[in-house]
C-alpha atoms as a PDB file:
ATOM      1  CA  MET A   1      42.834-152.898-132.797  1.00  0.00           C
ATOM      2  CA  PHE A   2      44.239-151.820-136.175  1.00  0.00           C
ATOM      3  CA  ASP A   3      45.445-155.045-137.749  1.00  0.00           C
ATOM      4  CA  ARG A   4      43.734-157.879-139.627  1.00  0.00           C
ATOM      5  CA  GLY A   5      40.394-156.743-141.091  1.00  0.00           C
ATOM      6  CA  ILE A   6      40.845-153.151-139.892  1.00  0.00           C
ATOM      7  CA  ARG A   7      44.211-152.904-141.643  1.00  0.00           C
ATOM      8  CA  TYR A   8      42.628-154.333-144.808  1.00  0.00           C
ATOM      9  CA  SER A   9      39.797-151.791-144.699  1.00  0.00           C
ATOM     10  CA  ALA A  10      42.189-148.884-144.216  1.00  0.00           C
ATOM     11  CA  GLN A  11      44.358-150.053-147.128  1.00  0.00           C
ATOM     12  CA  LYS A  12      41.355-150.682-149.365  1.00  0.00           C
ATOM     13  CA  ASN A  13      40.007-147.180-148.746  1.00  0.00           C
ATOM     14  CA  GLY A  14      43.391-145.499-148.984  1.00  0.00           C
ATOM     15  CA  ASP A  15      43.618-143.887-145.561  1.00  0.00           C
ATOM     16  CA  ASN A  16      43.547-144.692-141.851  1.00  0.00           C
ATOM     17  CA  ARG A  17      41.045-141.878-141.424  1.00  0.00           C
ATOM     18  CA  PHE A  18      38.407-144.005-143.143  1.00  0.00           C
ATOM     19  CA  ILE A  19      38.135-146.055-139.941  1.00  0.00           C
ATOM     20  CA  PHE A  20      37.274-142.910-137.942  1.00  0.00           C
ATOM     21  CA  ASN A  21      35.157-141.005-140.462  1.00  0.00           C
ATOM     22  CA  LYS A  22      31.823-141.598-138.736  1.00  0.00           C
ATOM     23  CA  ILE A  23      33.045-140.784-135.198  1.00  0.00           C
ATOM     24  CA  SER A  24      35.752-138.135-135.574  1.00  0.00           C
ATOM     25  CA  HIS A  25      33.376-135.337-134.614  1.00  0.00           C
ATOM     26  CA  LEU A  26      32.863-136.971-131.214  1.00  0.00           C
ATOM     27  CA  LEU A  27      36.575-137.143-130.493  1.00  0.00           C
ATOM     28  CA  LEU A  28      37.966-133.860-131.740  1.00  0.00           C
ATOM     29  CA  ASP A  29      36.190-131.524-129.310  1.00  0.00           C
ATOM     30  CA  LYS A  30      37.304-133.323-126.119  1.00  0.00           C
ATOM     31  CA  ASP A  31      40.056-132.181-123.768  1.00  0.00           C
ATOM     32  CA  LEU A  32      41.537-135.674-123.803  1.00  0.00           C
ATOM     33  CA  VAL A  33      40.588-138.991-125.407  1.00  0.00           C
ATOM     34  CA  VAL A  34      41.967-142.161-123.807  1.00  0.00           C
ATOM     35  CA  ALA A  35      41.829-145.635-125.351  1.00  0.00           C
ATOM     36  CA  ASN A  36      43.274-149.121-125.037  1.00  0.00           C
ATOM     37  CA  LEU A  37      45.858-149.819-127.758  1.00  0.00           C
ATOM     38  CA  GLU A  38      45.471-153.559-128.325  1.00  0.00           C
ATOM     39  CA  GLY A  39      48.821-154.310-129.913  1.00  0.00           C
ATOM     40  CA  PRO A  40      52.235-152.913-130.838  1.00  0.00           C
ATOM     41  CA  VAL A  41      53.101-150.329-133.488  1.00  0.00           C
ATOM     42  CA  THR A  42      55.928-151.668-135.653  1.00  0.00           C
ATOM     43  CA  ASP A  43      57.225-151.721-139.206  1.00  0.00           C
ATOM     44  CA  GLU A  44      56.903-155.511-139.215  1.00  0.00           C
ATOM     45  CA  LYS A  45      54.726-157.110-141.877  1.00  0.00           C
ATOM     46  CA  SER A  46      51.279-158.115-140.655  1.00  0.00           C
ATOM     47  CA  VAL A  47      50.905-161.842-140.072  1.00  0.00           C
ATOM     48  CA  SER A  48      47.238-161.697-139.082  1.00  0.00           C
ATOM     49  CA  ILE A  49      45.820-160.012-142.187  1.00  0.00           C
ATOM     50  CA  ALA A  50      46.112-163.181-144.279  1.00  0.00           C
ATOM     51  CA  ALA A  51      46.067-165.778-141.496  1.00  0.00           C
ATOM     52  CA  PRO A  52      43.391-168.501-141.496  1.00  0.00           C
ATOM     53  CA  PHE A  53      40.342-167.697-139.396  1.00  0.00           C
ATOM     54  CA  LEU A  54      40.837-168.566-135.705  1.00  0.00           C
ATOM     55  CA  SER A  55      44.416-169.687-136.276  1.00  0.00           C
ATOM     56  CA  GLU A  56      47.107-168.692-133.803  1.00  0.00           C
ATOM     57  CA  LYS A  57      48.588-166.167-136.225  1.00  0.00           C
ATOM     58  CA  SER A  58      45.200-164.449-136.637  1.00  0.00           C
ATOM     59  CA  TYR A  59      45.600-163.186-133.049  1.00  0.00           C
ATOM     60  CA  PHE A  60      49.128-161.894-133.574  1.00  0.00           C
ATOM     61  CA  PHE A  61      48.866-158.136-134.063  1.00  0.00           C
ATOM     62  CA  THR A  62      51.039-155.296-135.286  1.00  0.00           C
ATOM     63  CA  PHE A  63      49.901-151.822-136.327  1.00  0.00           C
ATOM     64  CA  ASP A  64      51.341-149.732-139.141  1.00  0.00           C
ATOM     65  CA  PRO A  65      53.571-146.861-137.914  1.00  0.00           C
ATOM     66  CA  SER A  66      51.247-144.365-139.616  1.00  0.00           C
ATOM     67  CA  LEU A  67      48.625-145.195-136.980  1.00  0.00           C
ATOM     68  CA  ALA A  68      50.546-143.257-134.332  1.00  0.00           C
ATOM     69  CA  LYS A  69      49.972-139.981-136.170  1.00  0.00           C
ATOM     70  CA  THR A  70      46.382-141.009-136.906  1.00  0.00           C
ATOM     71  CA  LEU A  71      45.757-141.418-133.181  1.00  0.00           C
ATOM     72  CA  TYR A  72      47.099-137.921-132.588  1.00  0.00           C
ATOM     73  CA  ASP A  73      45.062-136.444-135.443  1.00  0.00           C
ATOM     74  CA  GLU A  74      41.897-138.088-134.058  1.00  0.00           C
ATOM     75  CA  ASN A  75      42.653-136.536-130.646  1.00  0.00           C
ATOM     76  CA  ILE A  76      43.470-139.871-129.020  1.00  0.00           C
ATOM     77  CA  ARG A  77      46.426-138.448-127.154  1.00  0.00           C
ATOM     78  CA  LEU A  78      46.751-141.089-124.407  1.00  0.00           C
ATOM     79  CA  VAL A  79      46.689-144.888-124.730  1.00  0.00           C
ATOM     80  CA  SER A  80      46.979-147.808-122.368  1.00  0.00           C
ATOM     81  CA  LEU A  81      49.582-150.435-123.257  1.00  0.00           C
ATOM     82  CA  GLY A  82      48.509-152.753-120.450  1.00  0.00           C
ATOM     83  CA  ASN A  83      46.906-155.618-122.366  1.00  0.00           C
ATOM     84  CA  ASN A  84      47.510-159.163-123.593  1.00  0.00           C
ATOM     85  CA  HIS A  85      48.639-158.196-127.126  1.00  0.00           C
ATOM     86  CA  ILE A  86      51.200-155.453-126.540  1.00  0.00           C
ATOM     87  CA  LEU A  87      54.058-158.008-126.527  1.00  0.00           C
ATOM     88  CA  ASN A  88      52.944-159.843-129.682  1.00  0.00           C
ATOM     89  CA  PHE A  89      56.232-158.764-131.265  1.00  0.00           C
ATOM     90  CA  SER A  90      58.143-159.184-128.003  1.00  0.00           C
ATOM     91  CA  ASN A  91      60.200-156.425-126.387  1.00  0.00           C
ATOM     92  CA  SER A  92      61.397-155.108-129.725  1.00  0.00           C
ATOM     93  CA  GLY A  93      57.772-154.458-130.663  1.00  0.00           C
ATOM     94  CA  LEU A  94      57.189-152.688-127.368  1.00  0.00           C
ATOM     95  CA  LYS A  95      60.264-150.517-127.913  1.00  0.00           C
ATOM     96  CA  SER A  96      59.070-149.701-131.411  1.00  0.00           C
ATOM     97  CA  THR A  97      55.594-148.803-130.100  1.00  0.00           C
ATOM     98  CA  LYS A  98      57.025-146.298-127.651  1.00  0.00           C
ATOM     99  CA  LYS A  99      59.252-144.808-130.346  1.00  0.00           C
ATOM    100  CA  TYR A 100      56.395-144.175-132.767  1.00  0.00           C
ATOM    101  CA  LEU A 101      54.034-142.901-130.061  1.00  0.00           C
ATOM    102  CA  ASP A 102      56.729-140.550-128.755  1.00  0.00           C
ATOM    103  CA  GLU A 103      57.335-139.218-132.257  1.00  0.00           C
ATOM    104  CA  ALA A 104      53.598-138.587-132.703  1.00  0.00           C
ATOM    105  CA  ASP A 105      53.299-136.986-129.248  1.00  0.00           C
ATOM    106  CA  VAL A 106      50.816-139.616-128.059  1.00  0.00           C
ATOM    107  CA  GLY A 107      51.184-140.412-124.367  1.00  0.00           C
ATOM    108  CA  TYR A 108      51.003-143.908-122.901  1.00  0.00           C
ATOM    109  CA  PHE A 109      50.895-145.793-119.622  1.00  0.00           C
ATOM    110  CA  GLY A 110      50.654-149.394-118.485  1.00  0.00           C
ATOM    111  CA  SER A 111      53.645-150.617-120.484  1.00  0.00           C
ATOM    112  CA  PRO A 112      55.069-153.940-119.221  1.00  0.00           C
ATOM    113  CA  ASP A 113      58.354-152.143-118.524  1.00  0.00           C
ATOM    114  CA  GLY A 114      56.698-148.989-117.183  1.00  0.00           C
ATOM    115  CA  PRO A 115      55.370-146.505-116.563  1.00  0.00           C
ATOM    116  CA  ARG A 116      52.289-147.963-114.894  1.00  0.00           C
ATOM    117  CA  ALA A 117      50.783-144.514-114.380  1.00  0.00           C
ATOM    118  CA  VAL A 118      50.761-141.098-115.999  1.00  0.00           C
ATOM    119  CA  THR A 119      49.364-137.757-114.805  1.00  0.00           C
ATOM    120  CA  LYS A 120      47.762-135.203-117.104  1.00  0.00           C
ATOM    121  CA  GLU A 121      46.877-131.661-116.035  1.00  0.00           C
ATOM    122  CA  ILE A 122      43.710-130.420-117.723  1.00  0.00           C
ATOM    123  CA  ASN A 123      42.361-126.982-116.850  1.00  0.00           C
ATOM    124  CA  GLU A 124      44.478-127.035-113.683  1.00  0.00           C
ATOM    125  CA  ILE A 125      43.056-130.414-112.614  1.00  0.00           C
ATOM    126  CA  LYS A 126      45.597-133.192-112.120  1.00  0.00           C
ATOM    127  CA  ILE A 127      44.195-136.496-113.390  1.00  0.00           C
ATOM    128  CA  SER A 128      46.226-139.676-112.981  1.00  0.00           C
ATOM    129  CA  PHE A 129      45.656-142.778-115.082  1.00  0.00           C
ATOM    130  CA  ILE A 130      46.839-146.104-113.674  1.00  0.00           C
ATOM    131  CA  SER A 131      46.960-149.426-115.511  1.00  0.00           C
ATOM    132  CA  TYR A 132      46.007-152.813-114.165  1.00  0.00           C
ATOM    133  CA  ASN A 133      46.774-155.677-116.569  1.00  0.00           C
ATOM    134  CA  GLU A 134      45.540-159.092-115.493  1.00  0.00           C
ATOM    135  CA  PHE A 135      47.711-160.622-118.226  1.00  0.00           C
ATOM    136  CA  SER A 136      51.041-159.178-117.115  1.00  0.00           C
ATOM    137  CA  ASN A 137      54.024-161.456-116.594  1.00  0.00           C
ATOM    138  CA  LEU A 138      54.359-160.566-112.921  1.00  0.00           C
ATOM    139  CA  PRO A 139      54.204-163.320-110.287  1.00  0.00           C
ATOM    140  CA  ASN A 140      50.758-164.313-109.025  1.00  0.00           C
ATOM    141  CA  GLY A 141      49.187-161.485-107.039  1.00  0.00           C
ATOM    142  CA  GLN A 142      51.962-158.974-107.741  1.00  0.00           C
ATOM    143  CA  GLU A 143      50.012-157.015-110.375  1.00  0.00           C
ATOM    144  CA  GLU A 144      47.163-156.420-107.921  1.00  0.00           C
ATOM    145  CA  LYS A 145      49.567-155.440-105.133  1.00  0.00           C
ATOM    146  CA  ASP A 146      51.532-153.033-107.329  1.00  0.00           C
ATOM    147  CA  THR A 147      48.350-151.409-108.653  1.00  0.00           C
ATOM    148  CA  LEU A 148      46.942-150.852-105.171  1.00  0.00           C
ATOM    149  CA  GLU A 149      50.229-149.343-104.023  1.00  0.00           C
ATOM    150  CA  GLU A 150      50.296-147.086-107.087  1.00  0.00           C
ATOM    151  CA  ILE A 151      46.768-145.867-106.343  1.00  0.00           C
ATOM    152  CA  LYS A 152      47.642-144.974-102.765  1.00  0.00           C
ATOM    153  CA  LYS A 153      50.871-143.235-103.803  1.00  0.00           C
ATOM    154  CA  THR A 154      49.278-141.335-106.681  1.00  0.00           C
ATOM    155  CA  LYS A 155      46.179-140.304-104.731  1.00  0.00           C
ATOM    156  CA  ALA A 156      48.230-137.892-102.627  1.00  0.00           C
ATOM    157  CA  LEU A 157      49.562-136.160-105.740  1.00  0.00           C
ATOM    158  CA  SER A 158      46.427-135.964-107.885  1.00  0.00           C
ATOM    159  CA  ASP A 159      42.958-134.473-107.889  1.00  0.00           C
ATOM    160  CA  LEU A 160      41.509-137.571-109.563  1.00  0.00           C
ATOM    161  CA  VAL A 161      42.687-141.143-110.039  1.00  0.00           C
ATOM    162  CA  ILE A 162      41.319-143.272-112.892  1.00  0.00           C
ATOM    163  CA  ILE A 163      42.093-146.997-113.087  1.00  0.00           C
ATOM    164  CA  PHE A 164      42.219-148.472-116.575  1.00  0.00           C
ATOM    165  CA  ASN A 165      41.936-152.265-116.435  1.00  0.00           C
ATOM    166  CA  HIS A 166      42.472-155.176-118.794  1.00  0.00           C
ATOM    167  CA  TRP A 167      40.711-158.038-117.060  1.00  0.00           C
ATOM    168  CA  GLY A 168      37.917-160.577-117.034  1.00  0.00           C
ATOM    169  CA  ILE A 169      36.705-163.296-119.395  1.00  0.00           C
ATOM    170  CA  GLU A 170      36.117-162.630-123.077  1.00  0.00           C
ATOM    171  CA  TYR A 171      32.461-162.425-124.188  1.00  0.00           C
ATOM    172  CA  ASN A 172      31.031-162.737-120.653  1.00  0.00           C
ATOM    173  CA  LEU A 173      28.145-160.285-120.404  1.00  0.00           C
ATOM    174  CA  ALA A 174      28.700-159.721-116.675  1.00  0.00           C
ATOM    175  CA  PRO A 175      31.859-159.407-114.567  1.00  0.00           C
ATOM    176  CA  GLU A 176      33.000-162.269-112.392  1.00  0.00           C
ATOM    177  CA  GLU A 177      32.940-161.873-108.615  1.00  0.00           C
ATOM    178  CA  ARG A 178      36.734-161.753-108.454  1.00  0.00           C
ATOM    179  CA  VAL A 179      36.737-158.801-110.864  1.00  0.00           C
ATOM    180  CA  LYS A 180      34.042-157.011-108.859  1.00  0.00           C
ATOM    181  CA  ASP A 181      35.986-157.591-105.647  1.00  0.00           C
ATOM    182  CA  LEU A 182      39.148-156.168-107.184  1.00  0.00           C
ATOM    183  CA  ALA A 183      37.283-153.127-108.516  1.00  0.00           C
ATOM    184  CA  HIS A 184      35.987-152.468-105.009  1.00  0.00           C
ATOM    185  CA  GLN A 185      39.534-152.744-103.655  1.00  0.00           C
ATOM    186  CA  PHE A 186      40.669-150.140-106.172  1.00  0.00           C
ATOM    187  CA  VAL A 187      37.948-147.738-105.033  1.00  0.00           C
ATOM    188  CA  ASP A 188      38.722-148.430-101.384  1.00  0.00           C
ATOM    189  CA  ALA A 189      42.359-147.572-102.104  1.00  0.00           C
ATOM    190  CA  GLY A 190      41.400-144.200-103.603  1.00  0.00           C
ATOM    191  CA  ALA A 191      40.281-144.662-107.213  1.00  0.00           C
ATOM    192  CA  ASP A 192      37.693-142.131-108.397  1.00  0.00           C
ATOM    193  CA  LEU A 193      36.730-144.025-111.561  1.00  0.00           C
ATOM    194  CA  VAL A 194      37.289-147.575-112.807  1.00  0.00           C
ATOM    195  CA  ILE A 195      37.254-148.414-116.529  1.00  0.00           C
ATOM    196  CA  GLY A 196      37.563-151.968-117.869  1.00  0.00           C
ATOM    197  CA  SER A 197      38.443-153.610-121.164  1.00  0.00           C
ATOM    198  CA  HIS A 198      39.199-157.080-122.607  1.00  0.00           C
ATOM    199  CA  PRO A 199      35.818-158.924-122.598  1.00  0.00           C
ATOM    200  CA  HIS A 200      34.940-157.397-126.039  1.00  0.00           C
ATOM    201  CA  VAL A 201      31.334-156.898-124.887  1.00  0.00           C
ATOM    202  CA  ILE A 202      29.657-154.217-122.822  1.00  0.00           C
ATOM    203  CA  GLN A 203      29.165-155.212-119.199  1.00  0.00           C
ATOM    204  CA  PRO A 204      26.964-153.396-116.660  1.00  0.00           C
ATOM    205  CA  PHE A 205      28.391-150.507-114.691  1.00  0.00           C
ATOM    206  CA  GLU A 206      28.131-150.204-110.930  1.00  0.00           C
ATOM    207  CA  GLU A 207      28.061-147.405-108.377  1.00  0.00           C
ATOM    208  CA  TYR A 208      30.211-148.325-105.381  1.00  0.00           C
ATOM    209  CA  LYS A 209      30.757-145.817-102.573  1.00  0.00           C
ATOM    210  CA  ASN A 210      29.589-143.095-104.973  1.00  0.00           C
ATOM    211  CA  LYS A 211      32.264-144.060-107.523  1.00  0.00           C
ATOM    212  CA  ARG A 212      31.496-145.334-111.018  1.00  0.00           C
ATOM    213  CA  ILE A 213      32.833-148.713-112.164  1.00  0.00           C
ATOM    214  CA  TYR A 214      32.576-149.613-115.858  1.00  0.00           C
ATOM    215  CA  TYR A 215      33.552-153.271-115.950  1.00  0.00           C
ATOM    216  CA  SER A 216      33.886-153.433-119.734  1.00  0.00           C
ATOM    217  CA  LEU A 217      33.229-150.942-122.522  1.00  0.00           C
ATOM    218  CA  GLY A 218      33.203-153.586-125.242  1.00  0.00           C
ATOM    219  CA  ASN A 219      34.791-152.986-128.655  1.00  0.00           C
ATOM    220  CA  PHE A 220      35.640-149.581-130.100  1.00  0.00           C
ATOM    221  CA  ILE A 221      37.663-150.390-133.221  1.00  0.00           C
ATOM    222  CA  PHE A 222      37.900-154.123-133.896  1.00  0.00           C
ATOM    223  CA  ASP A 223      37.049-156.552-136.695  1.00  0.00           C
ATOM    224  CA  GLN A 224      34.631-158.726-134.714  1.00  0.00           C
ATOM    225  CA  TYR A 225      31.200-159.144-136.295  1.00  0.00           C
ATOM    226  CA  PHE A 226      30.079-162.656-135.335  1.00  0.00           C
ATOM    227  CA  ASP A 227      27.563-161.477-132.729  1.00  0.00           C
ATOM    228  CA  GLU A 228      25.667-158.278-131.971  1.00  0.00           C
ATOM    229  CA  ASN A 229      27.239-158.113-128.520  1.00  0.00           C
ATOM    230  CA  VAL A 230      30.767-157.773-129.925  1.00  0.00           C
ATOM    231  CA  ARG A 231      29.613-155.276-132.550  1.00  0.00           C
ATOM    232  CA  ASN A 232      28.464-152.897-129.793  1.00  0.00           C
ATOM    233  CA  GLY A 233      30.785-150.607-127.864  1.00  0.00           C
ATOM    234  CA  LEU A 234      30.435-147.932-125.234  1.00  0.00           C
ATOM    235  CA  GLY A 235      32.147-144.563-125.122  1.00  0.00           C
ATOM    236  CA  VAL A 236      32.185-142.784-121.772  1.00  0.00           C
ATOM    237  CA  GLU A 237      32.511-139.009-121.636  1.00  0.00           C
ATOM    238  CA  VAL A 238      33.610-137.819-118.210  1.00  0.00           C
ATOM    239  CA  LYS A 239      32.971-134.236-117.176  1.00  0.00           C
ATOM    240  CA  VAL A 240      34.793-132.863-114.139  1.00  0.00           C
ATOM    241  CA  ASN A 241      33.457-130.060-111.969  1.00  0.00           C
ATOM    242  CA  SER A 242      36.498-127.821-111.574  1.00  0.00           C
ATOM    243  CA  LYS A 243      35.457-126.699-108.083  1.00  0.00           C
ATOM    244  CA  THR A 244      34.111-129.838-106.441  1.00  0.00           C
ATOM    245  CA  LYS A 245      35.974-132.401-108.612  1.00  0.00           C
ATOM    246  CA  GLU A 246      32.702-134.286-108.924  1.00  0.00           C
ATOM    247  CA  LEU A 247      32.274-136.426-112.028  1.00  0.00           C
ATOM    248  CA  SER A 248      29.318-136.661-114.388  1.00  0.00           C
ATOM    249  CA  PHE A 249      28.966-139.077-117.275  1.00  0.00           C
ATOM    250  CA  LEU A 250      27.578-139.144-120.784  1.00  0.00           C
ATOM    251  CA  GLU A 251      27.490-142.465-122.626  1.00  0.00           C
ATOM    252  CA  THR A 252      27.660-143.000-126.392  1.00  0.00           C
ATOM    253  CA  ARG A 253      26.916-146.315-128.087  1.00  0.00           C
ATOM    254  CA  PHE A 254      29.136-147.377-130.968  1.00  0.00           C
ATOM    255  CA  TYR A 255      28.553-150.035-133.607  1.00  0.00           C
ATOM    256  CA  LEU A 256      31.129-151.919-135.689  1.00  0.00           C
ATOM    257  CA  ASP A 257      30.321-151.869-139.388  1.00  0.00           C
ATOM    258  CA  LYS A 258      31.640-154.763-141.473  1.00  0.00           C
ATOM    259  CA  ASN A 259      33.423-152.274-143.735  1.00  0.00           C
ATOM    260  CA  GLY A 260      35.854-151.583-140.852  1.00  0.00           C
ATOM    261  CA  GLN A 261      34.298-148.323-139.690  1.00  0.00           C
ATOM    262  CA  THR A 262      33.047-147.601-136.214  1.00  0.00           C
ATOM    263  CA  THR A 263      29.731-145.781-136.352  1.00  0.00           C
ATOM    264  CA  LEU A 264      27.126-144.470-133.950  1.00  0.00           C
ATOM    265  CA  LEU A 265      24.568-147.056-132.977  1.00  0.00           C
ATOM    266  CA  LYS A 266      21.345-146.461-134.834  1.00  0.00           C
ATOM    267  CA  LYS A 267      18.347-146.189-132.543  1.00  0.00           C
END
């Protein structure tokens, strides 16, 4: 999330790269970095940067167009748009987001108007990313149905299917049973890995039918400092065996500094 306090920190220090300075080295050597983009990219003036604390406007996000190129430069070449803030500036903000991401050559999936999924080929391995957004405007139950159908359709065309979810209850330290049940349905339908966001805190991961489920990775770049749980984030590095397609995982703990930077968690 690049508005509000993060926008202020970037402006104060003269460059978007300030936000990434302590973690760039972890991103730049990866084949692909994927993240949740929690808001639109527009040339609209920020309304949250000066909004009163906890007011409605303080949760109304827009990111400076320069951030699209920053994402590319930091090797974040694929973002999910399936979240509860992407339409903060309505459909015009969504259209603007796609325009700036396209110009910066940053891929996306999970947009409210599509596409729900995208496939990337890395070292001759086809990896599909599919969005599930609990906060979509679809009729009750339709988001789940469409996601399950997308998994089944995509599974036949891909070596690996990764589900990227925006779900759950903010600040809950464990997933609800309904979320766990849905994650299991995704695996049953063919998902090889499930990644969750939205709660703003790290939740436990689970192994289900030999597939990894990360219910929530917590915050990565966000101006939340009111509790240690929201200041902690989890980065998941996924390594793919090119022959067996088996996955292995390496986890990195992040920490949100009050100066706007994301840093490595100090032991």
